[in-house]
N, C-alpha and C. Protein backbone atom coordinates (compact mmCIF):
# COMPACT_ATOMS: atom_id res chain seq x y z
N UNK A 1 -0.91 -22.88 3.53
CA UNK A 1 -1.40 -22.81 2.18
C UNK A 1 -1.35 -21.37 1.69
N UNK A 2 -0.86 -21.18 0.49
CA UNK A 2 -0.72 -19.85 -0.11
C UNK A 2 -2.02 -19.48 -0.83
N UNK A 3 -2.46 -18.22 -0.62
CA UNK A 3 -3.65 -17.69 -1.28
C UNK A 3 -3.27 -16.40 -1.98
N UNK A 4 -3.64 -16.26 -3.24
CA UNK A 4 -3.37 -15.06 -4.02
C UNK A 4 -4.62 -14.17 -4.04
N UNK A 5 -4.42 -12.87 -3.85
CA UNK A 5 -5.53 -11.91 -3.86
C UNK A 5 -5.24 -10.88 -4.94
N UNK A 6 -6.25 -10.59 -5.75
CA UNK A 6 -6.12 -9.60 -6.82
C UNK A 6 -7.11 -8.46 -6.59
N UNK A 7 -6.71 -7.26 -6.98
CA UNK A 7 -7.63 -6.12 -6.93
C UNK A 7 -8.33 -5.93 -8.28
N UNK A 8 -7.88 -6.67 -9.27
CA UNK A 8 -8.42 -6.51 -10.61
C UNK A 8 -7.69 -5.46 -11.43
N UNK A 9 -6.62 -4.89 -10.87
CA UNK A 9 -5.85 -3.87 -11.55
C UNK A 9 -5.18 -4.44 -12.81
N UNK A 10 -5.17 -3.65 -13.87
CA UNK A 10 -4.49 -4.06 -15.10
C UNK A 10 -2.99 -4.24 -14.86
N UNK A 11 -2.43 -3.51 -13.89
CA UNK A 11 -1.00 -3.65 -13.59
C UNK A 11 -0.68 -5.08 -13.17
N UNK A 12 -1.54 -5.68 -12.35
CA UNK A 12 -1.30 -7.05 -11.87
C UNK A 12 -1.25 -8.03 -13.03
N UNK A 13 -2.17 -7.88 -13.96
CA UNK A 13 -2.22 -8.76 -15.13
C UNK A 13 -0.98 -8.56 -16.00
N UNK A 14 -0.63 -7.31 -16.26
CA UNK A 14 0.49 -7.00 -17.15
C UNK A 14 1.84 -7.45 -16.60
N UNK A 15 2.01 -7.34 -15.28
CA UNK A 15 3.32 -7.61 -14.69
C UNK A 15 3.36 -8.87 -13.84
N UNK A 16 2.34 -9.73 -13.97
CA UNK A 16 2.31 -11.06 -13.35
C UNK A 16 2.59 -11.05 -11.85
N UNK A 17 1.78 -10.29 -11.12
CA UNK A 17 1.90 -10.31 -9.67
C UNK A 17 0.52 -10.25 -9.04
N UNK A 18 0.47 -10.49 -7.74
CA UNK A 18 -0.78 -10.42 -6.99
C UNK A 18 -0.76 -9.19 -6.11
N UNK A 19 -1.93 -8.61 -5.89
CA UNK A 19 -2.04 -7.47 -4.97
C UNK A 19 -1.55 -7.88 -3.59
N UNK A 20 -1.88 -9.12 -3.20
CA UNK A 20 -1.42 -9.63 -1.91
C UNK A 20 -1.30 -11.14 -1.98
N UNK A 21 -0.45 -11.66 -1.09
CA UNK A 21 -0.29 -13.10 -0.95
C UNK A 21 -0.43 -13.44 0.53
N UNK A 22 -1.34 -14.34 0.83
CA UNK A 22 -1.48 -14.85 2.19
C UNK A 22 -0.65 -16.12 2.26
N UNK A 23 0.22 -16.18 3.24
CA UNK A 23 1.06 -17.36 3.44
C UNK A 23 1.21 -17.57 4.95
N UNK A 24 0.62 -18.64 5.46
CA UNK A 24 0.67 -18.90 6.89
C UNK A 24 -0.09 -17.84 7.66
N UNK A 25 0.56 -17.26 8.65
CA UNK A 25 -0.06 -16.27 9.52
C UNK A 25 0.11 -14.84 9.04
N UNK A 26 0.62 -14.66 7.84
CA UNK A 26 0.92 -13.32 7.34
C UNK A 26 0.31 -13.06 5.98
N UNK A 27 0.07 -11.78 5.71
CA UNK A 27 -0.33 -11.33 4.38
C UNK A 27 0.71 -10.31 3.93
N UNK A 28 1.18 -10.50 2.72
CA UNK A 28 2.20 -9.65 2.11
C UNK A 28 1.51 -8.84 1.00
N UNK A 29 1.41 -7.54 1.20
CA UNK A 29 0.72 -6.68 0.24
C UNK A 29 1.75 -6.01 -0.65
N UNK A 30 1.57 -6.18 -1.94
CA UNK A 30 2.47 -5.57 -2.92
C UNK A 30 2.47 -4.05 -2.81
N UNK A 31 3.50 -3.45 -3.38
CA UNK A 31 3.54 -2.00 -3.44
C UNK A 31 2.24 -1.46 -4.01
N UNK A 32 1.62 -0.57 -3.26
CA UNK A 32 0.30 -0.05 -3.60
C UNK A 32 0.41 1.45 -3.82
N UNK A 33 -0.13 1.90 -4.94
CA UNK A 33 -0.08 3.32 -5.26
C UNK A 33 -1.44 3.96 -5.02
N UNK A 34 -1.54 5.24 -5.33
CA UNK A 34 -2.73 6.01 -5.04
C UNK A 34 -3.82 5.92 -6.09
N UNK A 35 -3.77 4.94 -6.96
CA UNK A 35 -4.85 4.76 -7.94
C UNK A 35 -6.12 4.31 -7.25
N UNK A 36 -7.23 4.86 -7.67
CA UNK A 36 -8.54 4.33 -7.31
C UNK A 36 -8.76 3.19 -8.31
N UNK A 37 -8.71 1.95 -7.84
CA UNK A 37 -8.77 0.81 -8.76
C UNK A 37 -10.14 0.65 -9.43
N UNK A 38 -11.18 1.26 -8.88
CA UNK A 38 -12.49 1.19 -9.52
C UNK A 38 -12.53 2.06 -10.79
N UNK A 39 -11.92 3.23 -10.71
CA UNK A 39 -11.94 4.15 -11.86
C UNK A 39 -10.62 4.18 -12.61
N UNK A 40 -9.56 3.63 -12.01
CA UNK A 40 -8.19 3.70 -12.53
C UNK A 40 -7.75 5.14 -12.74
N UNK A 41 -8.21 6.01 -11.83
CA UNK A 41 -7.77 7.41 -11.81
C UNK A 41 -6.87 7.62 -10.62
N UNK A 42 -6.00 8.63 -10.72
CA UNK A 42 -5.08 8.94 -9.63
C UNK A 42 -5.05 10.47 -9.45
N UNK A 43 -5.10 10.90 -8.23
CA UNK A 43 -5.02 12.33 -7.92
C UNK A 43 -3.60 12.83 -8.20
N UNK A 44 -3.46 14.09 -8.49
CA UNK A 44 -2.14 14.69 -8.67
C UNK A 44 -1.51 15.06 -7.32
N UNK A 45 -2.29 14.96 -6.24
CA UNK A 45 -1.86 15.40 -4.91
C UNK A 45 -1.28 14.24 -4.10
N UNK A 46 -0.08 14.41 -3.55
CA UNK A 46 0.59 13.37 -2.76
C UNK A 46 -0.24 12.94 -1.56
N UNK A 47 -0.81 13.87 -0.82
CA UNK A 47 -1.58 13.53 0.37
C UNK A 47 -2.82 12.71 -0.01
N UNK A 48 -3.50 13.11 -1.07
CA UNK A 48 -4.66 12.34 -1.53
C UNK A 48 -4.25 10.95 -2.01
N UNK A 49 -3.11 10.85 -2.67
CA UNK A 49 -2.62 9.54 -3.09
C UNK A 49 -2.30 8.67 -1.89
N UNK A 50 -1.71 9.25 -0.85
CA UNK A 50 -1.38 8.49 0.36
C UNK A 50 -2.65 7.95 1.00
N UNK A 51 -3.66 8.80 1.09
CA UNK A 51 -4.97 8.37 1.63
C UNK A 51 -5.52 7.20 0.82
N UNK A 52 -5.47 7.30 -0.50
CA UNK A 52 -5.99 6.24 -1.36
C UNK A 52 -5.18 4.95 -1.20
N UNK A 53 -3.87 5.07 -1.03
CA UNK A 53 -3.03 3.89 -0.78
C UNK A 53 -3.55 3.12 0.43
N UNK A 54 -3.81 3.85 1.52
CA UNK A 54 -4.28 3.18 2.73
C UNK A 54 -5.67 2.58 2.54
N UNK A 55 -6.54 3.25 1.79
CA UNK A 55 -7.86 2.68 1.51
C UNK A 55 -7.71 1.40 0.69
N UNK A 56 -6.83 1.43 -0.31
CA UNK A 56 -6.59 0.23 -1.13
C UNK A 56 -6.05 -0.91 -0.28
N UNK A 57 -5.09 -0.60 0.59
CA UNK A 57 -4.50 -1.65 1.42
C UNK A 57 -5.50 -2.19 2.44
N UNK A 58 -6.32 -1.32 3.02
CA UNK A 58 -7.32 -1.76 3.99
C UNK A 58 -8.28 -2.76 3.35
N UNK A 59 -8.65 -2.50 2.11
CA UNK A 59 -9.58 -3.38 1.40
C UNK A 59 -8.97 -4.77 1.19
N UNK A 60 -7.74 -4.82 0.73
CA UNK A 60 -7.11 -6.11 0.47
C UNK A 60 -6.77 -6.83 1.78
N UNK A 61 -6.39 -6.09 2.81
CA UNK A 61 -6.13 -6.72 4.11
C UNK A 61 -7.39 -7.36 4.66
N UNK A 62 -8.53 -6.70 4.52
CA UNK A 62 -9.79 -7.26 4.98
C UNK A 62 -10.10 -8.56 4.24
N UNK A 63 -9.87 -8.56 2.94
CA UNK A 63 -10.10 -9.77 2.15
C UNK A 63 -9.20 -10.92 2.61
N UNK A 64 -8.03 -10.56 3.11
CA UNK A 64 -7.07 -11.57 3.57
C UNK A 64 -7.32 -12.00 5.02
N UNK A 65 -8.25 -11.33 5.72
CA UNK A 65 -8.51 -11.67 7.12
C UNK A 65 -7.65 -10.89 8.09
N UNK A 66 -7.26 -9.68 7.69
CA UNK A 66 -6.41 -8.84 8.53
C UNK A 66 -6.94 -7.40 8.46
N UNK A 67 -6.15 -6.48 9.00
CA UNK A 67 -6.52 -5.06 8.94
C UNK A 67 -5.27 -4.22 9.19
N UNK A 68 -5.40 -2.92 9.05
CA UNK A 68 -4.25 -2.02 9.19
C UNK A 68 -3.65 -2.05 10.60
N UNK A 69 -4.44 -2.38 11.60
CA UNK A 69 -3.90 -2.47 12.96
C UNK A 69 -2.97 -3.66 13.14
N UNK A 70 -2.98 -4.58 12.19
CA UNK A 70 -2.13 -5.78 12.26
C UNK A 70 -0.85 -5.64 11.43
N UNK A 71 -0.64 -4.46 10.83
CA UNK A 71 0.57 -4.25 10.02
C UNK A 71 1.80 -4.29 10.92
N UNK A 72 2.77 -5.11 10.54
CA UNK A 72 4.01 -5.23 11.32
C UNK A 72 5.22 -4.64 10.59
N UNK A 73 5.10 -4.44 9.27
CA UNK A 73 6.20 -3.91 8.47
C UNK A 73 5.61 -3.06 7.36
N UNK A 74 6.20 -1.88 7.15
CA UNK A 74 5.76 -1.00 6.06
C UNK A 74 6.97 -0.39 5.39
N UNK A 75 6.86 -0.27 4.07
CA UNK A 75 7.90 0.38 3.28
C UNK A 75 7.23 1.44 2.41
N UNK A 76 7.77 2.65 2.48
CA UNK A 76 7.29 3.77 1.68
C UNK A 76 8.32 4.04 0.59
N UNK A 77 7.85 4.29 -0.61
CA UNK A 77 8.74 4.68 -1.71
C UNK A 77 8.18 5.98 -2.28
N UNK A 78 9.01 7.01 -2.30
CA UNK A 78 8.60 8.31 -2.84
C UNK A 78 9.67 8.81 -3.81
N UNK A 79 9.26 9.47 -4.88
CA UNK A 79 10.23 10.00 -5.84
C UNK A 79 11.08 11.13 -5.27
N UNK A 80 10.54 11.87 -4.30
CA UNK A 80 11.28 13.00 -3.73
C UNK A 80 11.13 12.96 -2.21
N UNK A 81 12.22 12.62 -1.53
CA UNK A 81 12.17 12.46 -0.08
C UNK A 81 11.73 13.72 0.66
N UNK A 82 11.94 14.89 0.05
CA UNK A 82 11.53 16.14 0.70
C UNK A 82 10.02 16.22 0.89
N UNK A 83 9.26 15.51 0.07
CA UNK A 83 7.81 15.54 0.14
C UNK A 83 7.23 14.58 1.18
N UNK A 84 8.04 13.65 1.67
CA UNK A 84 7.51 12.59 2.53
C UNK A 84 6.84 13.13 3.79
N UNK A 85 7.34 14.21 4.37
CA UNK A 85 6.76 14.77 5.59
C UNK A 85 5.29 15.14 5.41
N UNK A 86 4.88 15.46 4.20
CA UNK A 86 3.48 15.79 3.94
C UNK A 86 2.54 14.61 4.23
N UNK A 87 3.09 13.40 4.20
CA UNK A 87 2.30 12.19 4.41
C UNK A 87 2.05 11.89 5.88
N UNK A 88 2.76 12.54 6.78
CA UNK A 88 2.70 12.21 8.21
C UNK A 88 1.29 12.18 8.78
N UNK A 89 0.44 13.18 8.52
CA UNK A 89 -0.91 13.13 9.10
C UNK A 89 -1.72 11.91 8.65
N UNK A 90 -1.57 11.52 7.40
CA UNK A 90 -2.31 10.36 6.89
C UNK A 90 -1.75 9.07 7.50
N UNK A 91 -0.44 8.98 7.59
CA UNK A 91 0.19 7.81 8.20
C UNK A 91 -0.25 7.69 9.66
N UNK A 92 -0.24 8.79 10.37
CA UNK A 92 -0.68 8.80 11.77
C UNK A 92 -2.13 8.35 11.88
N UNK A 93 -2.96 8.83 10.98
CA UNK A 93 -4.39 8.49 10.98
C UNK A 93 -4.61 6.98 10.90
N UNK A 94 -3.84 6.31 10.05
CA UNK A 94 -4.06 4.89 9.80
C UNK A 94 -3.19 3.94 10.63
N UNK A 95 -2.05 4.43 11.14
CA UNK A 95 -1.11 3.50 11.79
C UNK A 95 -0.75 3.85 13.22
N UNK A 96 -1.47 4.77 13.85
CA UNK A 96 -1.11 5.16 15.22
C UNK A 96 -1.20 3.99 16.19
N UNK A 97 -2.09 3.05 15.93
CA UNK A 97 -2.19 1.87 16.80
C UNK A 97 -1.15 0.81 16.43
N UNK A 98 -0.98 0.55 15.17
CA UNK A 98 -0.09 -0.54 14.72
C UNK A 98 1.39 -0.21 14.95
N UNK A 99 1.78 1.01 14.65
CA UNK A 99 3.18 1.46 14.78
C UNK A 99 4.17 0.41 14.27
N UNK A 100 4.08 0.05 13.00
CA UNK A 100 4.93 -1.00 12.44
C UNK A 100 6.39 -0.56 12.25
N UNK A 101 7.25 -1.52 12.09
CA UNK A 101 8.62 -1.24 11.66
C UNK A 101 8.51 -0.61 10.27
N UNK A 102 9.29 0.45 10.02
CA UNK A 102 9.10 1.21 8.78
C UNK A 102 10.42 1.60 8.13
N UNK A 103 10.36 1.71 6.81
CA UNK A 103 11.49 2.19 6.02
C UNK A 103 10.94 3.07 4.90
N UNK A 104 11.65 4.15 4.58
CA UNK A 104 11.28 5.02 3.47
C UNK A 104 12.44 5.05 2.48
N UNK A 105 12.10 4.86 1.21
CA UNK A 105 13.08 4.92 0.13
C UNK A 105 12.72 6.07 -0.80
N UNK A 106 13.73 6.69 -1.36
CA UNK A 106 13.53 7.64 -2.44
C UNK A 106 13.92 6.92 -3.73
N UNK A 107 12.97 6.80 -4.65
CA UNK A 107 13.22 6.10 -5.90
C UNK A 107 12.17 6.49 -6.93
N UNK A 108 12.50 6.29 -8.18
CA UNK A 108 11.54 6.53 -9.24
C UNK A 108 10.44 5.48 -9.20
N UNK A 109 9.23 5.87 -9.58
CA UNK A 109 8.11 4.94 -9.63
C UNK A 109 7.74 4.67 -11.08
N UNK A 110 6.80 3.78 -11.31
CA UNK A 110 6.49 3.30 -12.66
C UNK A 110 6.11 4.42 -13.62
N UNK A 111 5.35 5.41 -13.13
CA UNK A 111 5.07 6.56 -13.99
C UNK A 111 5.06 7.83 -13.15
N UNK A 112 5.18 8.95 -13.82
CA UNK A 112 5.33 10.23 -13.13
C UNK A 112 4.10 10.66 -12.35
N UNK A 113 2.94 10.10 -12.65
CA UNK A 113 1.73 10.44 -11.91
C UNK A 113 1.77 9.91 -10.48
N UNK A 114 2.53 8.86 -10.27
CA UNK A 114 2.62 8.23 -8.94
C UNK A 114 3.56 9.04 -8.05
N UNK A 115 3.06 9.43 -6.88
CA UNK A 115 3.84 10.23 -5.93
C UNK A 115 4.27 9.42 -4.71
N UNK A 116 3.69 8.22 -4.53
CA UNK A 116 4.03 7.35 -3.41
C UNK A 116 3.61 5.93 -3.73
N UNK A 117 4.37 4.99 -3.21
CA UNK A 117 4.02 3.58 -3.27
C UNK A 117 4.28 3.00 -1.88
N UNK A 118 3.36 2.19 -1.38
CA UNK A 118 3.47 1.65 -0.03
C UNK A 118 3.29 0.14 -0.07
N UNK A 119 4.17 -0.56 0.63
CA UNK A 119 4.14 -2.02 0.73
C UNK A 119 4.01 -2.39 2.21
N UNK A 120 3.16 -3.36 2.55
CA UNK A 120 3.02 -3.77 3.94
C UNK A 120 3.03 -5.28 4.10
N UNK A 121 3.38 -5.68 5.30
CA UNK A 121 3.24 -7.06 5.77
C UNK A 121 2.39 -6.98 7.04
N UNK A 122 1.39 -7.84 7.14
CA UNK A 122 0.50 -7.82 8.30
C UNK A 122 0.23 -9.23 8.79
N UNK A 123 -0.09 -9.33 10.08
CA UNK A 123 -0.50 -10.60 10.67
C UNK A 123 -1.96 -10.86 10.29
N UNK A 124 -2.30 -12.11 10.13
CA UNK A 124 -3.69 -12.49 9.95
C UNK A 124 -4.34 -12.50 11.32
N UNK A 125 -5.53 -11.90 11.42
CA UNK A 125 -6.21 -11.82 12.72
C UNK A 125 -7.00 -13.07 13.03
């Protein structure tokens, strides 16, 4: 049975998507940026945005019955690949146990304030 999860973000409403979809034994989390969804504010700092991405994903994974240690696939999207190395300490902090299959893309994001977008797939615990 498919279950849709929303964070309440205006982006989800505007672009007709769910923050996450639970289907079977997996949860598929949409590309998540560094916005604090409670205030809809975003830091100008890439490292702070990366931290917020993981906090946002942890919250939705918990709602789905999973957690960051169950992540099996992750995709990072950054506007400038040269900046990606700055994210390593935050990635290590949250994924040292999970060590998921990973891919990084360099691409433009929805607006210039966004410095990173992260998408994950995780097992339901």
